Amino acid sequence: MVFGIGTDIIEVKRMQRHLEKNDALRKKLYTEGEQAYCERANVMKYQSYAARFAAKEAFFKALGTGYRYGMAFHEIEVFNDELGKPFIKPHGKVKEYLEENKVTHIHLTISHVKKMASAFVVLEK
């Protein structure tokens, strides 16, 4: 059964401008693992950051709560498996909320091109 769906799209340049000016923002939004992944991307670095931001926004939209109940961006980690498929690993209050609401599956797709990044999330019970 579908618990929620969410989507988001962001301009890569907008994310780049914010992150170049504000290292504290990078640490607030992204885990160390996500930062390491994005920094390895070189040419596509800001596309990777933007795609992960879109995934986190889409996730909160699917959750239907926004950033309430003490949940935060850094409690949602976006990684890729060995085949490149993206997935979300929840932590902290986000993980607790998912467990309380019996959400069993998080489906994620992300996409990015030179100027835009987007994500779509489906949460299942």
N, C-alpha and C. Protein backbone atom coordinates (compact mmCIF):
# COMPACT_ATOMS: atom_id res chain seq x y z
N MET A 1 0.84 -1.18 0.00
CA MET A 1 0.00 0.00 0.00
C MET A 1 0.89 1.25 0.00
N VAL A 2 0.53 2.22 -0.80
CA VAL A 2 1.32 3.46 -0.88
C VAL A 2 1.03 4.34 0.34
N PHE A 3 2.08 4.73 1.03
CA PHE A 3 1.99 5.64 2.17
C PHE A 3 2.07 7.09 1.70
N GLY A 4 2.93 7.34 0.70
CA GLY A 4 3.09 8.70 0.19
C GLY A 4 3.99 8.75 -1.01
N ILE A 5 3.83 9.80 -1.81
CA ILE A 5 4.70 10.05 -2.95
C ILE A 5 5.19 11.48 -2.90
N GLY A 6 6.36 11.72 -3.46
CA GLY A 6 6.90 13.07 -3.50
C GLY A 6 7.86 13.23 -4.66
N THR A 7 7.94 14.44 -5.15
CA THR A 7 8.87 14.75 -6.24
C THR A 7 9.47 16.13 -6.00
N ASP A 8 10.62 16.37 -6.57
CA ASP A 8 11.26 17.67 -6.46
C ASP A 8 12.19 17.88 -7.65
N ILE A 9 12.39 19.12 -8.00
CA ILE A 9 13.32 19.50 -9.07
C ILE A 9 14.05 20.76 -8.62
N ILE A 10 15.34 20.85 -8.95
CA ILE A 10 16.14 22.00 -8.54
C ILE A 10 17.15 22.34 -9.62
N GLU A 11 17.46 23.62 -9.72
CA GLU A 11 18.50 24.07 -10.64
C GLU A 11 19.87 23.78 -10.02
N VAL A 12 20.75 23.17 -10.78
CA VAL A 12 22.08 22.82 -10.30
C VAL A 12 22.86 24.08 -9.92
N LYS A 13 22.77 25.12 -10.70
CA LYS A 13 23.52 26.38 -10.42
C LYS A 13 23.10 26.97 -9.08
N ARG A 14 21.81 26.88 -8.76
CA ARG A 14 21.32 27.41 -7.48
C ARG A 14 21.99 26.68 -6.32
N MET A 15 22.05 25.36 -6.41
CA MET A 15 22.71 24.57 -5.37
C MET A 15 24.20 24.91 -5.32
N GLN A 16 24.82 25.05 -6.47
CA GLN A 16 26.24 25.38 -6.52
C GLN A 16 26.52 26.72 -5.84
N ARG A 17 25.71 27.73 -6.14
CA ARG A 17 25.90 29.05 -5.52
C ARG A 17 25.82 28.97 -4.00
N HIS A 18 24.84 28.25 -3.50
CA HIS A 18 24.66 28.12 -2.06
C HIS A 18 25.81 27.37 -1.40
N LEU A 19 26.26 26.30 -2.01
CA LEU A 19 27.30 25.49 -1.39
C LEU A 19 28.69 26.12 -1.49
N GLU A 20 28.94 26.86 -2.55
CA GLU A 20 30.24 27.53 -2.68
C GLU A 20 30.40 28.62 -1.63
N LYS A 21 29.32 29.22 -1.22
CA LYS A 21 29.37 30.32 -0.26
C LYS A 21 29.26 29.87 1.19
N ASN A 22 28.77 28.65 1.42
CA ASN A 22 28.37 28.29 2.77
C ASN A 22 28.71 26.83 3.08
N ASP A 23 29.89 26.61 3.64
CA ASP A 23 30.30 25.25 3.99
C ASP A 23 29.44 24.68 5.12
N ALA A 24 28.94 25.55 6.00
CA ALA A 24 28.08 25.09 7.09
C ALA A 24 26.79 24.50 6.54
N LEU A 25 26.29 25.06 5.45
CA LEU A 25 25.08 24.54 4.82
C LEU A 25 25.33 23.13 4.29
N ARG A 26 26.48 22.93 3.67
CA ARG A 26 26.85 21.60 3.16
C ARG A 26 26.81 20.57 4.28
N LYS A 27 27.34 20.93 5.44
CA LYS A 27 27.38 20.02 6.58
C LYS A 27 25.99 19.80 7.17
N LYS A 28 25.14 20.80 7.08
CA LYS A 28 23.77 20.69 7.60
C LYS A 28 22.91 19.79 6.71
N LEU A 29 23.11 19.87 5.41
CA LEU A 29 22.26 19.15 4.47
C LEU A 29 22.73 17.74 4.16
N TYR A 30 24.05 17.52 4.18
CA TYR A 30 24.62 16.27 3.68
C TYR A 30 25.47 15.57 4.73
N THR A 31 25.40 14.25 4.76
CA THR A 31 26.25 13.47 5.65
C THR A 31 27.67 13.45 5.08
N GLU A 32 28.60 13.00 5.89
CA GLU A 32 29.99 12.89 5.43
C GLU A 32 30.11 11.95 4.23
N GLY A 33 29.35 10.85 4.27
CA GLY A 33 29.37 9.89 3.16
C GLY A 33 28.86 10.51 1.87
N GLU A 34 27.80 11.29 1.96
CA GLU A 34 27.26 11.95 0.77
C GLU A 34 28.25 12.98 0.23
N GLN A 35 28.86 13.73 1.12
CA GLN A 35 29.84 14.73 0.69
C GLN A 35 31.01 14.06 -0.02
N ALA A 36 31.49 12.96 0.53
CA ALA A 36 32.61 12.24 -0.09
C ALA A 36 32.22 11.77 -1.49
N TYR A 37 31.01 11.23 -1.63
CA TYR A 37 30.54 10.76 -2.94
C TYR A 37 30.47 11.92 -3.94
N CYS A 38 29.87 13.02 -3.54
CA CYS A 38 29.70 14.16 -4.45
C CYS A 38 31.04 14.79 -4.81
N GLU A 39 31.95 14.89 -3.87
CA GLU A 39 33.25 15.49 -4.13
C GLU A 39 34.07 14.66 -5.10
N ARG A 40 33.86 13.34 -5.13
CA ARG A 40 34.57 12.47 -6.09
C ARG A 40 34.06 12.68 -7.51
N ALA A 41 32.88 13.25 -7.66
CA ALA A 41 32.24 13.36 -8.97
C ALA A 41 32.91 14.39 -9.88
N ASN A 42 33.78 15.24 -9.36
CA ASN A 42 34.50 16.26 -10.12
C ASN A 42 33.57 17.11 -10.99
N VAL A 43 33.48 16.82 -12.28
CA VAL A 43 32.70 17.62 -13.22
C VAL A 43 31.22 17.64 -12.83
N MET A 44 30.71 16.53 -12.34
CA MET A 44 29.30 16.43 -11.99
C MET A 44 29.04 16.63 -10.50
N LYS A 45 29.97 17.23 -9.81
CA LYS A 45 29.88 17.40 -8.36
C LYS A 45 28.59 18.08 -7.94
N TYR A 46 28.29 19.21 -8.53
CA TYR A 46 27.10 19.95 -8.10
C TYR A 46 25.81 19.33 -8.62
N GLN A 47 25.89 18.58 -9.70
CA GLN A 47 24.73 17.81 -10.13
C GLN A 47 24.41 16.74 -9.08
N SER A 48 25.44 16.11 -8.54
CA SER A 48 25.26 15.09 -7.51
C SER A 48 24.68 15.68 -6.23
N TYR A 49 25.21 16.83 -5.82
CA TYR A 49 24.66 17.50 -4.63
C TYR A 49 23.19 17.88 -4.87
N ALA A 50 22.90 18.45 -6.02
CA ALA A 50 21.53 18.89 -6.32
C ALA A 50 20.58 17.69 -6.36
N ALA A 51 21.01 16.59 -6.96
CA ALA A 51 20.16 15.40 -7.03
C ALA A 51 19.85 14.86 -5.64
N ARG A 52 20.83 14.87 -4.76
CA ARG A 52 20.61 14.40 -3.39
C ARG A 52 19.70 15.35 -2.62
N PHE A 53 19.84 16.64 -2.85
CA PHE A 53 18.93 17.60 -2.22
C PHE A 53 17.50 17.36 -2.70
N ALA A 54 17.32 17.18 -4.00
CA ALA A 54 16.00 16.91 -4.56
C ALA A 54 15.42 15.63 -3.96
N ALA A 55 16.25 14.61 -3.76
CA ALA A 55 15.79 13.35 -3.18
C ALA A 55 15.29 13.57 -1.75
N LYS A 56 16.00 14.38 -0.99
CA LYS A 56 15.60 14.64 0.39
C LYS A 56 14.30 15.45 0.43
N GLU A 57 14.18 16.43 -0.44
CA GLU A 57 12.93 17.20 -0.53
C GLU A 57 11.77 16.30 -0.93
N ALA A 58 11.98 15.46 -1.94
CA ALA A 58 10.93 14.55 -2.40
C ALA A 58 10.55 13.57 -1.29
N PHE A 59 11.54 13.12 -0.52
CA PHE A 59 11.28 12.22 0.59
C PHE A 59 10.36 12.87 1.61
N PHE A 60 10.68 14.10 2.03
CA PHE A 60 9.85 14.78 3.02
C PHE A 60 8.44 15.05 2.49
N LYS A 61 8.32 15.31 1.20
CA LYS A 61 6.99 15.48 0.60
C LYS A 61 6.22 14.16 0.66
N ALA A 62 6.89 13.06 0.37
CA ALA A 62 6.24 11.75 0.43
C ALA A 62 5.84 11.42 1.87
N LEU A 63 6.66 11.81 2.81
CA LEU A 63 6.38 11.56 4.22
C LEU A 63 5.15 12.35 4.68
N GLY A 64 4.97 13.52 4.08
CA GLY A 64 3.81 14.34 4.42
C GLY A 64 3.96 15.17 5.68
N THR A 65 5.17 15.25 6.21
CA THR A 65 5.40 15.98 7.46
C THR A 65 6.18 17.26 7.28
N GLY A 66 6.91 17.38 6.18
CA GLY A 66 7.88 18.46 6.09
C GLY A 66 8.99 18.17 7.09
N TYR A 67 9.55 19.20 7.69
CA TYR A 67 10.68 19.04 8.61
C TYR A 67 10.22 19.09 10.07
N ARG A 68 9.02 18.62 10.33
CA ARG A 68 8.47 18.64 11.69
C ARG A 68 9.05 17.51 12.53
N TYR A 69 8.72 17.57 13.82
CA TYR A 69 9.04 16.50 14.77
C TYR A 69 10.55 16.27 14.92
N GLY A 70 11.33 17.30 14.67
CA GLY A 70 12.77 17.19 14.87
C GLY A 70 13.53 16.48 13.77
N MET A 71 12.85 16.15 12.67
CA MET A 71 13.52 15.47 11.57
C MET A 71 14.38 16.47 10.79
N ALA A 72 15.49 16.00 10.24
CA ALA A 72 16.43 16.88 9.56
C ALA A 72 16.99 16.22 8.30
N PHE A 73 17.50 17.06 7.41
CA PHE A 73 18.05 16.59 6.14
C PHE A 73 19.18 15.58 6.33
N HIS A 74 20.05 15.81 7.31
CA HIS A 74 21.19 14.91 7.48
C HIS A 74 20.78 13.54 8.02
N GLU A 75 19.50 13.35 8.37
CA GLU A 75 19.02 12.05 8.80
C GLU A 75 18.55 11.20 7.62
N ILE A 76 18.66 11.75 6.43
CA ILE A 76 18.31 11.04 5.20
C ILE A 76 19.58 10.95 4.37
N GLU A 77 20.10 9.76 4.19
CA GLU A 77 21.31 9.57 3.41
C GLU A 77 20.96 8.96 2.07
N VAL A 78 21.48 9.57 1.00
CA VAL A 78 21.23 9.08 -0.34
C VAL A 78 22.53 8.48 -0.88
N PHE A 79 22.47 7.20 -1.20
CA PHE A 79 23.61 6.47 -1.73
C PHE A 79 23.22 5.77 -3.02
N ASN A 80 24.19 5.13 -3.65
CA ASN A 80 23.95 4.30 -4.82
C ASN A 80 24.47 2.90 -4.52
N ASP A 81 23.73 1.89 -4.97
CA ASP A 81 24.20 0.52 -4.77
C ASP A 81 25.29 0.21 -5.80
N GLU A 82 25.76 -1.03 -5.81
CA GLU A 82 26.87 -1.42 -6.70
C GLU A 82 26.52 -1.30 -8.18
N LEU A 83 25.22 -1.28 -8.51
CA LEU A 83 24.80 -1.12 -9.90
C LEU A 83 24.45 0.32 -10.25
N GLY A 84 24.56 1.21 -9.26
CA GLY A 84 24.26 2.62 -9.49
C GLY A 84 22.87 3.05 -9.11
N LYS A 85 22.03 2.13 -8.67
CA LYS A 85 20.66 2.45 -8.27
C LYS A 85 20.68 3.26 -6.98
N PRO A 86 20.00 4.42 -6.95
CA PRO A 86 20.00 5.22 -5.73
C PRO A 86 19.07 4.62 -4.67
N PHE A 87 19.44 4.83 -3.42
CA PHE A 87 18.57 4.41 -2.32
C PHE A 87 18.74 5.37 -1.15
N ILE A 88 17.74 5.37 -0.28
CA ILE A 88 17.75 6.23 0.90
C ILE A 88 17.96 5.37 2.14
N LYS A 89 18.88 5.81 2.98
CA LYS A 89 19.11 5.17 4.27
C LYS A 89 18.71 6.18 5.35
N PRO A 90 17.60 5.90 6.07
CA PRO A 90 17.14 6.83 7.10
C PRO A 90 17.86 6.63 8.43
N HIS A 91 17.96 7.70 9.20
CA HIS A 91 18.59 7.67 10.52
C HIS A 91 17.73 8.47 11.50
N GLY A 92 18.02 8.33 12.77
CA GLY A 92 17.46 9.17 13.81
C GLY A 92 15.94 9.24 13.83
N LYS A 93 15.42 10.45 13.98
CA LYS A 93 13.98 10.66 14.07
C LYS A 93 13.25 10.27 12.80
N VAL A 94 13.90 10.41 11.67
CA VAL A 94 13.29 9.99 10.40
C VAL A 94 13.05 8.48 10.42
N LYS A 95 14.06 7.74 10.83
CA LYS A 95 13.93 6.27 10.90
C LYS A 95 12.83 5.88 11.89
N GLU A 96 12.80 6.55 13.05
CA GLU A 96 11.77 6.27 14.05
C GLU A 96 10.37 6.52 13.49
N TYR A 97 10.20 7.63 12.78
CA TYR A 97 8.90 7.98 12.22
C TYR A 97 8.46 6.93 11.19
N LEU A 98 9.39 6.49 10.36
CA LEU A 98 9.07 5.45 9.38
C LEU A 98 8.64 4.16 10.08
N GLU A 99 9.35 3.78 11.12
CA GLU A 99 9.00 2.56 11.86
C GLU A 99 7.65 2.69 12.53
N GLU A 100 7.37 3.84 13.17
CA GLU A 100 6.09 4.07 13.82
C GLU A 100 4.92 3.98 12.84
N ASN A 101 5.16 4.42 11.60
CA ASN A 101 4.11 4.42 10.59
C ASN A 101 4.17 3.20 9.68
N LYS A 102 5.01 2.23 10.06
CA LYS A 102 5.12 0.95 9.36
C LYS A 102 5.45 1.07 7.88
N VAL A 103 6.28 2.06 7.55
CA VAL A 103 6.76 2.20 6.18
C VAL A 103 7.86 1.16 5.98
N THR A 104 7.67 0.30 4.99
CA THR A 104 8.60 -0.82 4.80
C THR A 104 9.53 -0.67 3.60
N HIS A 105 9.14 0.14 2.63
CA HIS A 105 9.97 0.30 1.43
C HIS A 105 10.04 1.78 1.04
N ILE A 106 11.23 2.19 0.64
CA ILE A 106 11.45 3.54 0.11
C ILE A 106 11.96 3.36 -1.31
N HIS A 107 11.18 3.79 -2.27
CA HIS A 107 11.58 3.74 -3.67
C HIS A 107 12.06 5.13 -4.08
N LEU A 108 13.21 5.20 -4.73
CA LEU A 108 13.79 6.47 -5.13
C LEU A 108 14.33 6.39 -6.54
N THR A 109 14.05 7.41 -7.31
CA THR A 109 14.74 7.59 -8.59
C THR A 109 15.20 9.04 -8.64
N ILE A 110 16.43 9.23 -9.11
CA ILE A 110 16.97 10.57 -9.28
C ILE A 110 17.49 10.70 -10.70
N SER A 111 17.51 11.94 -11.16
CA SER A 111 18.03 12.20 -12.50
C SER A 111 18.66 13.59 -12.49
N HIS A 112 19.71 13.75 -13.27
CA HIS A 112 20.29 15.09 -13.38
C HIS A 112 20.93 15.25 -14.75
N VAL A 113 20.86 16.48 -15.21
CA VAL A 113 21.52 16.91 -16.43
C VAL A 113 22.30 18.16 -16.06
N LYS A 114 22.92 18.78 -17.01
CA LYS A 114 23.80 19.91 -16.72
C LYS A 114 23.14 20.98 -15.85
N LYS A 115 21.88 21.32 -16.14
CA LYS A 115 21.25 22.44 -15.45
C LYS A 115 20.22 22.07 -14.38
N MET A 116 19.70 20.86 -14.40
CA MET A 116 18.61 20.49 -13.50
C MET A 116 18.85 19.12 -12.86
N ALA A 117 18.27 18.95 -11.67
CA ALA A 117 18.27 17.65 -11.00
C ALA A 117 16.87 17.42 -10.46
N SER A 118 16.43 16.17 -10.51
CA SER A 118 15.09 15.86 -10.02
C SER A 118 15.10 14.52 -9.29
N ALA A 119 14.06 14.32 -8.49
CA ALA A 119 13.93 13.07 -7.75
C ALA A 119 12.45 12.76 -7.56
N PHE A 120 12.17 11.46 -7.42
CA PHE A 120 10.81 10.99 -7.17
C PHE A 120 10.91 9.88 -6.12
N VAL A 121 10.05 9.97 -5.10
CA VAL A 121 10.07 9.01 -3.99
C VAL A 121 8.67 8.43 -3.81
N VAL A 122 8.62 7.13 -3.57
CA VAL A 122 7.39 6.44 -3.18
C VAL A 122 7.67 5.69 -1.88
N LEU A 123 6.82 5.91 -0.89
CA LEU A 123 6.92 5.19 0.38
C LEU A 123 5.80 4.17 0.44
N GLU A 124 6.15 2.93 0.82
CA GLU A 124 5.17 1.84 0.90
C GLU A 124 5.05 1.32 2.32
N LYS A 125 3.85 0.89 2.65
CA LYS A 125 3.58 0.23 3.94
C LYS A 125 3.51 -1.26 3.71
